[in-house]
Amino acid sequence: MSLSHGHRGTDVRKSAVTHADLVTGVRRTLAHLPGAADLVIGHVFCGEPLPVMARRLRIPLAQAPGLLRQSLKLLRPIMSETEFAGRRR
């Protein structure tokens, strides 16, 4: 999926959602979960391996997948407005 074409053929460049808006939305949405925003940004958006991000954020490796799953469920409304919408499973 190219940067200029989002979900269902919408042009992301014409959208009001920017990268900064996305990061801010992730941080605000996940503010109540310690380390979750950094985990999502590092792993999902930047492609860092989950064990590396967990170690860097001092999150127990056994808890990282559950925290990531919980975070992504909370982020569905934000993610549906961006180019990342097509990446959901």
C-alpha atoms as a PDB file:
ATOM      1  CA  MET A   1       0.000   0.000   0.000  1.00  0.00           C
ATOM      2  CA  SER A   2       1.553   3.263  -1.011  1.00  0.00           C
ATOM      3  CA  LEU A   3       1.696   6.288   1.222  1.00  0.00           C
ATOM      4  CA  SER A   4      -0.614   8.261  -1.032  1.00  0.00           C
ATOM      5  CA  HIS A   5      -3.384   5.668  -1.023  1.00  0.00           C
ATOM      6  CA  GLY A   6      -4.986   4.703   2.233  1.00  0.00           C
ATOM      7  CA  HIS A   7      -7.791   2.341   3.047  1.00  0.00           C
ATOM      8  CA  ARG A   8     -10.458   2.035   0.316  1.00  0.00           C
ATOM      9  CA  GLY A   9      -8.554   4.275  -2.057  1.00  0.00           C
ATOM     10  CA  THR A  10      -8.688   7.453   0.021  1.00  0.00           C
ATOM     11  CA  ASP A  11      -5.800   9.833  -0.476  1.00  0.00           C
ATOM     12  CA  VAL A  12      -3.907  10.032   2.831  1.00  0.00           C
ATOM     13  CA  ARG A  13      -2.216  13.276   1.789  1.00  0.00           C
ATOM     14  CA  LYS A  14      -5.623  14.980   1.727  1.00  0.00           C
ATOM     15  CA  SER A  15      -6.492  13.564   5.138  1.00  0.00           C
ATOM     16  CA  ALA A  16      -6.226  15.702   8.239  1.00  0.00           C
ATOM     17  CA  VAL A  17      -4.276  12.914   9.971  1.00  0.00           C
ATOM     18  CA  THR A  18      -0.513  13.477   9.901  1.00  0.00           C
ATOM     19  CA  HIS A  19       2.295  11.385  11.353  1.00  0.00           C
ATOM     20  CA  ALA A  20       2.487  13.732  14.342  1.00  0.00           C
ATOM     21  CA  ASP A  21      -1.283  13.403  14.866  1.00  0.00           C
ATOM     22  CA  LEU A  22      -0.952   9.631  14.784  1.00  0.00           C
ATOM     23  CA  VAL A  23       1.860   9.533  17.351  1.00  0.00           C
ATOM     24  CA  THR A  24       0.011  12.001  19.592  1.00  0.00           C
ATOM     25  CA  GLY A  25      -3.168   9.942  19.330  1.00  0.00           C
ATOM     26  CA  VAL A  26      -1.298   6.748  20.211  1.00  0.00           C
ATOM     27  CA  ARG A  27       0.327   8.395  23.233  1.00  0.00           C
ATOM     28  CA  ARG A  28      -2.969   9.872  24.474  1.00  0.00           C
ATOM     29  CA  THR A  29      -4.952   6.677  23.937  1.00  0.00           C
ATOM     30  CA  LEU A  30      -2.402   4.490  25.695  1.00  0.00           C
ATOM     31  CA  ALA A  31      -1.405   6.929  28.449  1.00  0.00           C
ATOM     32  CA  HIS A  32      -2.946   4.666  31.103  1.00  0.00           C
ATOM     33  CA  LEU A  33      -0.781   1.669  30.055  1.00  0.00           C
ATOM     34  CA  PRO A  34       2.876   2.205  31.063  1.00  0.00           C
ATOM     35  CA  GLY A  35       5.232   1.615  28.130  1.00  0.00           C
ATOM     36  CA  ALA A  36       2.462   0.663  25.702  1.00  0.00           C
ATOM     37  CA  ALA A  37       2.750   3.720  23.447  1.00  0.00           C
ATOM     38  CA  ASP A  38       6.510   3.320  23.058  1.00  0.00           C
ATOM     39  CA  LEU A  39       6.073  -0.403  22.433  1.00  0.00           C
ATOM     40  CA  VAL A  40       3.536   0.203  19.638  1.00  0.00           C
ATOM     41  CA  ILE A  41       5.523   3.032  18.057  1.00  0.00           C
ATOM     42  CA  GLY A  42       8.794   1.101  18.190  1.00  0.00           C
ATOM     43  CA  HIS A  43       7.486  -2.303  17.127  1.00  0.00           C
ATOM     44  CA  VAL A  44       4.577  -1.580  14.799  1.00  0.00           C
ATOM     45  CA  PHE A  45       5.552   1.729  13.225  1.00  0.00           C
ATOM     46  CA  CYS A  46       9.371   1.464  13.257  1.00  0.00           C
ATOM     47  CA  GLY A  47       9.743  -2.293  12.868  1.00  0.00           C
ATOM     48  CA  GLU A  48      11.904  -3.011  15.915  1.00  0.00           C
ATOM     49  CA  PRO A  49      11.646  -6.649  17.074  1.00  0.00           C
ATOM     50  CA  LEU A  50       9.286  -7.131  20.011  1.00  0.00           C
ATOM     51  CA  PRO A  51      11.940  -8.675  22.326  1.00  0.00           C
ATOM     52  CA  VAL A  52      14.267  -5.721  21.672  1.00  0.00           C
ATOM     53  CA  MET A  53      11.543  -3.186  22.462  1.00  0.00           C
ATOM     54  CA  ALA A  54      10.477  -5.097  25.583  1.00  0.00           C
ATOM     55  CA  ARG A  55      14.050  -5.171  26.871  1.00  0.00           C
ATOM     56  CA  ARG A  56      14.587  -1.483  26.070  1.00  0.00           C
ATOM     57  CA  LEU A  57      11.369  -0.498  27.876  1.00  0.00           C
ATOM     58  CA  ARG A  58      11.988  -2.938  30.745  1.00  0.00           C
ATOM     59  CA  ILE A  59       8.747  -4.792  30.083  1.00  0.00           C
ATOM     60  CA  PRO A  60       8.842  -8.514  30.968  1.00  0.00           C
ATOM     61  CA  LEU A  61       9.096 -10.459  27.708  1.00  0.00           C
ATOM     62  CA  ALA A  62       6.163 -12.684  28.678  1.00  0.00           C
ATOM     63  CA  GLN A  63       3.908  -9.620  29.074  1.00  0.00           C
ATOM     64  CA  ALA A  64       4.928  -7.798  25.879  1.00  0.00           C
ATOM     65  CA  PRO A  65       2.700  -9.711  23.395  1.00  0.00           C
ATOM     66  CA  GLY A  66      -0.377  -9.272  25.607  1.00  0.00           C
ATOM     67  CA  LEU A  67       0.340  -5.569  26.093  1.00  0.00           C
ATOM     68  CA  LEU A  68       0.799  -5.131  22.349  1.00  0.00           C
ATOM     69  CA  ARG A  69      -2.451  -6.979  21.590  1.00  0.00           C
ATOM     70  CA  GLN A  70      -4.371  -4.920  24.168  1.00  0.00           C
ATOM     71  CA  SER A  71      -2.873  -1.696  22.822  1.00  0.00           C
ATOM     72  CA  LEU A  72      -3.771  -2.468  19.215  1.00  0.00           C
ATOM     73  CA  LYS A  73      -7.368  -3.217  20.194  1.00  0.00           C
ATOM     74  CA  LEU A  74      -7.594   0.201  21.844  1.00  0.00           C
ATOM     75  CA  LEU A  75      -6.035   1.841  18.785  1.00  0.00           C
ATOM     76  CA  ARG A  76      -8.427   0.445  16.161  1.00  0.00           C
ATOM     77  CA  PRO A  77     -10.410   3.705  15.814  1.00  0.00           C
ATOM     78  CA  ILE A  78      -7.191   5.694  15.240  1.00  0.00           C
ATOM     79  CA  MET A  79      -5.625   3.117  12.945  1.00  0.00           C
ATOM     80  CA  SER A  80      -8.713   2.944  10.729  1.00  0.00           C
ATOM     81  CA  GLU A  81      -8.145   6.587   9.714  1.00  0.00           C
ATOM     82  CA  THR A  82      -4.583   6.062   8.498  1.00  0.00           C
ATOM     83  CA  GLU A  83      -2.525   4.182   5.963  1.00  0.00           C
ATOM     84  CA  PHE A  84      -1.964   1.462   8.585  1.00  0.00           C
ATOM     85  CA  ALA A  85      -5.591   0.318   8.313  1.00  0.00           C
ATOM     86  CA  GLY A  86      -4.739  -2.251   5.670  1.00  0.00           C
ATOM     87  CA  ARG A  87      -2.188  -3.926   7.944  1.00  0.00           C
ATOM     88  CA  ARG A  88      -4.696  -5.186  10.520  1.00  0.00           C
ATOM     89  CA  ARG A  89      -5.187  -8.939  10.700  1.00  0.00           C
END
